[in-house]
């Protein structure tokens, strides 16, 4: 299926989860996304993926936005917060339910863990009507095979039926799953290209299937290599990545551009973030990103 938005003006987005302050890996993703949008004369959006109230904090969201501002990474439209959009996600789930696309699932996590990576379909026909207790909702995958062309990673094919199985679109606690919230928000914001880390590449076929089931347009996709430690582990809050030092924005931007294979003019070292970003956009070419799926930053104090 060809992207429905390939001829539309470029609209990209950066969608961090506020479970902690911004770290270097997230700043890198924001920098790449912002430069790509600016180079293409498009729009760059920021969305706060805080649907999970249990893990996300407003203080972290505020800190992330301040850090982006300090680094000159200004967004073009109002910030969208997932935590304000429960009714929108509920409406999408109702559409899937009305079409017979989802079913309730009460499988305990330990039971699923014992089954391996592919959902075994135990609850598909277990409940003729929704159970009264807590339950998740899963999307019926059936025999769906998804294929798409990623701008950096090439052709991707996945047989969702055999490799993933029916997947969760609403958690047991009522919170919309990441996949559902993402596709609904991307469509509403008119995102034409989803640019994010390659660690999320495996999520894309599920999101494309949801787009098809909800009648939403399919954006283009570009999965960039992630920043890793010496062992190849992605920099993340879970892995203990330290917050970006907001007192050194120019140095941070300079370091990231060097890591990405760019060589800013020596006279720009220590310049204002806006000047460094102007240079970066003028010389930007996403094809210059290092090959592979990871960029080792173990020599940095990340």
Protein backbone atom coordinates (compact mmCIF):
# COMPACT_ATOMS: atom_id res chain seq x y z
CA UNK A 1 0.00 0.00 0.00
CA UNK A 2 1.41 3.36 -1.00
CA UNK A 3 1.55 6.10 1.61
CA UNK A 4 -1.53 8.29 1.43
CA UNK A 5 0.42 11.33 2.56
CA UNK A 6 3.53 11.13 0.37
CA UNK A 7 2.57 14.19 -1.68
CA UNK A 8 1.43 16.32 1.29
CA UNK A 9 3.59 19.06 2.87
CA UNK A 10 6.00 17.52 5.36
CA UNK A 11 4.80 17.19 8.97
CA UNK A 12 7.03 15.41 11.46
CA UNK A 13 6.77 14.89 15.20
CA UNK A 14 8.75 14.15 18.35
CA UNK A 15 6.76 12.22 20.95
CA UNK A 16 8.64 11.60 24.22
CA UNK A 17 7.12 9.84 27.22
CA UNK A 18 7.57 11.96 30.38
CA UNK A 19 8.85 9.21 32.64
CA UNK A 20 12.01 11.18 33.37
CA UNK A 21 14.11 14.11 32.12
CA UNK A 22 15.36 14.25 28.53
CA UNK A 23 18.55 12.22 28.00
CA UNK A 24 21.03 12.39 25.13
CA UNK A 25 19.33 9.66 23.10
CA UNK A 26 16.03 11.53 23.11
CA UNK A 27 17.70 14.86 22.37
CA UNK A 28 19.36 13.20 19.38
CA UNK A 29 15.99 11.99 18.04
CA UNK A 30 14.53 15.48 18.49
CA UNK A 31 17.49 17.08 16.71
CA UNK A 32 17.24 14.71 13.72
CA UNK A 33 13.48 15.18 13.45
CA UNK A 34 13.65 18.96 13.72
CA UNK A 35 16.47 19.26 11.16
CA UNK A 36 14.64 16.98 8.73
CA UNK A 37 11.43 19.00 8.99
CA UNK A 38 13.24 22.34 8.63
CA UNK A 39 15.30 21.15 5.67
CA UNK A 40 12.15 20.05 3.89
CA UNK A 41 10.33 23.28 4.64
CA UNK A 42 7.82 21.48 6.79
CA UNK A 43 6.31 21.49 10.25
CA UNK A 44 7.80 19.94 13.38
CA UNK A 45 5.43 18.94 16.16
CA UNK A 46 5.99 17.93 19.77
CA UNK A 47 3.58 15.51 21.44
CA UNK A 48 3.80 14.34 25.03
CA UNK A 49 2.96 10.63 25.17
CA UNK A 50 1.61 10.59 28.71
CA UNK A 51 -1.41 8.31 28.36
CA UNK A 52 0.08 6.08 31.06
CA UNK A 53 -0.73 8.09 34.18
CA UNK A 54 1.04 5.56 36.40
CA UNK A 55 4.49 6.15 34.88
CA UNK A 56 4.31 9.70 33.51
CA UNK A 57 4.68 12.95 35.44
CA UNK A 58 3.82 16.53 34.50
CA UNK A 59 7.07 17.69 36.09
CA UNK A 60 8.99 15.53 33.61
CA UNK A 61 6.91 16.86 30.70
CA UNK A 62 7.70 20.42 31.76
CA UNK A 63 11.39 19.57 32.05
CA UNK A 64 11.46 17.98 28.58
CA UNK A 65 9.86 21.03 26.98
CA UNK A 66 12.25 23.41 28.76
CA UNK A 67 15.23 21.36 27.60
CA UNK A 68 14.04 21.47 23.99
CA UNK A 69 13.60 25.24 24.25
CA UNK A 70 17.06 25.67 25.74
CA UNK A 71 18.52 23.81 22.75
CA UNK A 72 16.62 25.96 20.26
CA UNK A 73 14.39 23.05 19.20
CA UNK A 74 11.15 24.99 18.92
CA UNK A 75 7.97 23.26 17.79
CA UNK A 76 5.52 24.85 15.35
CA UNK A 77 2.09 24.14 16.85
CA UNK A 78 0.58 23.62 20.28
CA UNK A 79 1.94 20.65 22.21
CA UNK A 80 -0.52 17.75 22.26
CA UNK A 81 -0.86 15.78 25.53
CA UNK A 82 -2.23 12.27 25.31
CA UNK A 83 -3.54 12.49 28.86
CA UNK A 84 -6.12 15.01 27.63
CA UNK A 85 -7.47 12.73 24.92
CA UNK A 86 -9.26 9.85 26.64
CA UNK A 87 -12.51 10.49 24.74
CA UNK A 88 -10.70 10.38 21.38
CA UNK A 89 -9.12 7.01 22.12
CA UNK A 90 -12.40 5.65 23.53
CA UNK A 91 -14.15 6.57 20.29
CA UNK A 92 -11.52 4.70 18.26
CA UNK A 93 -11.96 1.63 20.46
CA UNK A 94 -15.73 1.82 20.01
CA UNK A 95 -15.27 1.82 16.24
CA UNK A 96 -13.08 -1.27 16.46
CA UNK A 97 -15.58 -2.96 18.79
CA UNK A 98 -18.54 -2.16 16.54
CA UNK A 99 -16.70 -3.74 13.63
CA UNK A 100 -15.95 -6.92 15.58
CA UNK A 101 -12.24 -6.14 15.40
CA UNK A 102 -11.41 -6.54 19.11
CA UNK A 103 -12.14 -9.01 21.88
CA UNK A 104 -11.72 -8.98 25.68
CA UNK A 105 -8.71 -10.76 27.15
CA UNK A 106 -8.24 -11.76 30.79
CA UNK A 107 -5.07 -13.84 30.34
CA UNK A 108 -2.68 -13.27 33.28
CA UNK A 109 0.77 -11.99 32.37
CA UNK A 110 2.44 -15.10 33.75
CA UNK A 111 0.28 -17.22 31.46
CA UNK A 112 1.25 -15.13 28.45
CA UNK A 113 4.93 -15.22 29.41
CA UNK A 114 4.80 -19.01 29.39
CA UNK A 115 3.35 -18.94 25.88
CA UNK A 116 6.29 -17.13 24.31
CA UNK A 117 6.28 -14.04 22.08
CA UNK A 118 3.16 -14.80 20.01
CA UNK A 119 -0.27 -14.44 21.62
CA UNK A 120 -1.88 -17.92 21.54
CA UNK A 121 -5.45 -16.65 21.03
CA UNK A 122 -6.85 -18.14 24.24
CA UNK A 123 -9.51 -15.48 24.78
CA UNK A 124 -10.64 -15.11 21.16
CA UNK A 125 -13.89 -17.01 21.69
CA UNK A 126 -13.94 -17.19 25.49
CA UNK A 127 -16.41 -14.36 26.12
CA UNK A 128 -19.66 -14.06 24.13
CA UNK A 129 -20.20 -10.76 26.02
CA UNK A 130 -17.67 -8.50 27.78
CA UNK A 131 -16.65 -9.82 31.21
CA UNK A 132 -17.50 -7.71 34.25
CA UNK A 133 -14.00 -7.59 35.73
CA UNK A 134 -10.82 -5.94 34.50
CA UNK A 135 -9.80 -7.03 31.04
CA UNK A 136 -7.66 -5.92 28.15
CA UNK A 137 -8.86 -5.51 24.57
CA UNK A 138 -6.93 -7.20 21.78
CA UNK A 139 -7.10 -6.54 18.06
CA UNK A 140 -7.88 -9.56 15.90
CA UNK A 141 -4.89 -9.93 13.60
CA UNK A 142 -6.08 -12.98 11.62
CA UNK A 143 -3.74 -13.61 8.68
CA UNK A 144 -2.53 -10.02 8.21
CA UNK A 145 0.82 -9.62 6.46
CA UNK A 146 2.20 -6.07 6.48
CA UNK A 147 4.89 -4.70 4.17
CA UNK A 148 6.28 -1.19 3.93
CA UNK A 149 9.37 0.67 2.75
CA UNK A 150 11.34 2.44 5.47
CA UNK A 151 13.42 5.37 4.24
CA UNK A 152 16.58 4.18 6.02
CA UNK A 153 15.96 0.51 6.84
CA UNK A 154 14.58 -0.55 3.46
CA UNK A 155 11.84 -3.08 2.78
CA UNK A 156 10.17 -4.52 5.88
CA UNK A 157 7.75 -7.46 5.83
CA UNK A 158 6.04 -9.00 8.84
CA UNK A 159 3.46 -11.77 9.15
CA UNK A 160 1.59 -10.48 12.16
CA UNK A 161 -0.43 -13.66 12.56
CA UNK A 162 2.59 -15.93 12.99
CA UNK A 163 5.08 -13.45 14.48
CA UNK A 164 2.94 -11.35 16.84
CA UNK A 165 -0.65 -12.57 17.12
CA UNK A 166 -3.58 -10.56 18.44
CA UNK A 167 -2.15 -7.55 20.27
CA UNK A 168 -3.40 -5.26 23.03
CA UNK A 169 -5.07 -1.98 22.08
CA UNK A 170 -6.43 -1.23 25.57
CA UNK A 171 -4.78 -2.37 28.77
CA UNK A 172 -6.52 -4.07 31.69
CA UNK A 173 -6.47 -0.79 33.63
CA UNK A 174 -8.36 0.99 30.84
CA UNK A 175 -5.36 2.91 29.48
CA UNK A 176 -5.12 2.94 25.67
CA UNK A 177 -2.14 0.97 24.42
CA UNK A 178 0.79 2.76 22.81
CA UNK A 179 -0.07 1.49 19.33
CA UNK A 180 -3.64 2.77 19.39
CA UNK A 181 -2.84 6.19 20.84
CA UNK A 182 0.03 6.67 18.40
CA UNK A 183 -1.92 5.97 15.21
CA UNK A 184 -4.90 8.07 16.32
CA UNK A 185 -2.69 11.02 17.22
CA UNK A 186 -0.50 10.79 14.11
CA UNK A 187 -3.60 10.83 11.92
CA UNK A 188 -5.23 13.74 13.73
CA UNK A 189 -2.03 15.79 13.61
CA UNK A 190 -1.57 15.06 9.91
CA UNK A 191 1.88 13.52 10.40
CA UNK A 192 3.31 12.64 6.99
CA UNK A 193 6.43 10.85 8.25
CA UNK A 194 7.03 9.03 11.51
CA UNK A 195 10.72 9.50 12.30
CA UNK A 196 11.86 7.60 15.37
CA UNK A 197 14.45 5.15 16.68
CA UNK A 198 15.01 1.80 14.98
CA UNK A 199 14.17 0.09 18.27
CA UNK A 200 10.52 0.86 17.44
CA UNK A 201 10.68 -0.64 13.95
CA UNK A 202 8.91 -3.80 15.09
CA UNK A 203 5.94 -1.69 16.25
CA UNK A 204 5.26 -0.30 12.80
CA UNK A 205 3.44 -3.29 11.21
CA UNK A 206 0.99 -3.34 14.12
CA UNK A 207 0.38 0.36 13.77
CA UNK A 208 -0.13 0.07 10.02
CA UNK A 209 -2.72 -2.66 10.60
CA UNK A 210 -4.52 -0.40 13.07
CA UNK A 211 -4.49 2.41 10.51
CA UNK A 212 -6.11 0.09 8.01
CA UNK A 213 -8.74 -1.12 10.49
CA UNK A 214 -9.61 2.44 11.53
CA UNK A 215 -9.54 3.84 7.99
CA UNK A 216 -6.66 6.20 8.80
CA UNK A 217 -3.97 7.34 6.33
CA UNK A 218 -0.57 5.68 6.41
CA UNK A 219 2.38 8.04 6.92
CA UNK A 220 5.86 7.35 5.61
CA UNK A 221 8.37 5.83 8.03
CA UNK A 222 12.01 6.54 8.79
CA UNK A 223 13.67 4.59 11.61
CA UNK A 224 17.03 6.05 12.57
CA UNK A 225 19.89 4.30 14.42
CA UNK A 226 19.78 4.72 18.19
CA UNK A 227 22.54 5.88 20.52
CA UNK A 228 24.03 2.97 22.43
CA UNK A 229 26.60 2.20 25.11
CA UNK A 230 29.69 0.07 24.51
CA UNK A 231 27.63 -3.10 24.88
CA UNK A 232 25.16 -2.03 22.22
CA UNK A 233 22.42 -1.23 24.74
CA UNK A 234 20.22 1.72 23.75
CA UNK A 235 20.56 4.84 25.91
CA UNK A 236 17.34 5.04 27.89
CA UNK A 237 15.98 6.04 31.24
CA UNK A 238 15.50 2.35 32.07
CA UNK A 239 19.19 1.72 31.34
CA UNK A 240 20.25 4.62 33.56
CA UNK A 241 21.05 7.28 30.95
CA UNK A 242 21.74 10.57 32.69
CA UNK A 243 19.70 13.70 31.92
CA UNK A 244 21.00 16.15 29.36
CA UNK A 245 22.88 19.05 30.93
CA UNK A 246 20.64 21.97 30.01
CA UNK A 247 23.46 24.38 30.93
CA UNK A 248 25.54 23.31 27.92
CA UNK A 249 23.11 23.33 24.96
CA UNK A 250 25.64 24.46 22.36
CA UNK A 251 28.13 21.78 23.36
CA UNK A 252 25.39 19.15 23.33
CA UNK A 253 24.29 20.07 19.81
CA UNK A 254 27.87 20.21 18.58
CA UNK A 255 28.61 16.76 20.01
CA UNK A 256 25.53 15.23 18.42
CA UNK A 257 26.30 16.67 15.00
CA UNK A 258 29.80 15.21 15.15
CA UNK A 259 28.36 11.83 16.13
CA UNK A 260 26.00 12.03 13.15
CA UNK A 261 28.85 12.51 10.71
CA UNK A 262 28.61 16.28 10.28
CA UNK A 263 31.52 18.67 10.79
CA UNK A 264 30.33 22.11 11.92
CA UNK A 265 32.62 25.01 11.15
CA UNK A 266 35.15 25.52 13.99
CA UNK A 267 34.00 29.09 14.42
CA UNK A 268 30.57 27.81 15.50
CA UNK A 269 31.93 26.03 18.55
CA UNK A 270 30.31 27.68 21.56
CA UNK A 271 27.93 29.70 19.36
CA UNK A 272 24.28 30.15 20.24
CA UNK A 273 22.10 27.05 19.67
CA UNK A 274 20.10 28.90 17.00
CA UNK A 275 23.26 29.54 14.97
CA UNK A 276 24.40 25.93 15.24
CA UNK A 277 20.95 24.72 14.19
CA UNK A 278 20.89 27.10 11.22
CA UNK A 279 24.17 25.57 10.06
CA UNK A 280 22.87 22.05 10.65
CA UNK A 281 19.69 22.61 8.63
CA UNK A 282 21.63 24.23 5.76
CA UNK A 283 23.92 21.17 5.56
CA UNK A 284 21.36 18.54 6.50
CA UNK A 285 21.11 15.23 4.67
CA UNK A 286 19.63 12.34 6.62
CA UNK A 287 21.45 9.88 4.36
CA UNK A 288 24.68 10.94 6.11
CA UNK A 289 23.62 9.28 9.35
CA UNK A 290 25.96 6.42 10.27
CA UNK A 291 25.04 3.07 8.77
CA UNK A 292 23.66 0.35 11.01
CA UNK A 293 21.18 0.38 13.84
CA UNK A 294 23.29 1.83 16.64
CA UNK A 295 25.75 4.67 17.26
CA UNK A 296 28.21 3.95 20.10
CA UNK A 297 28.51 6.92 22.44
CA UNK A 298 30.32 5.12 25.24
CA UNK A 299 33.16 7.63 25.06
CA UNK A 300 30.82 10.44 26.07
CA UNK A 301 29.52 11.34 29.50
CA UNK A 302 25.92 10.60 28.46
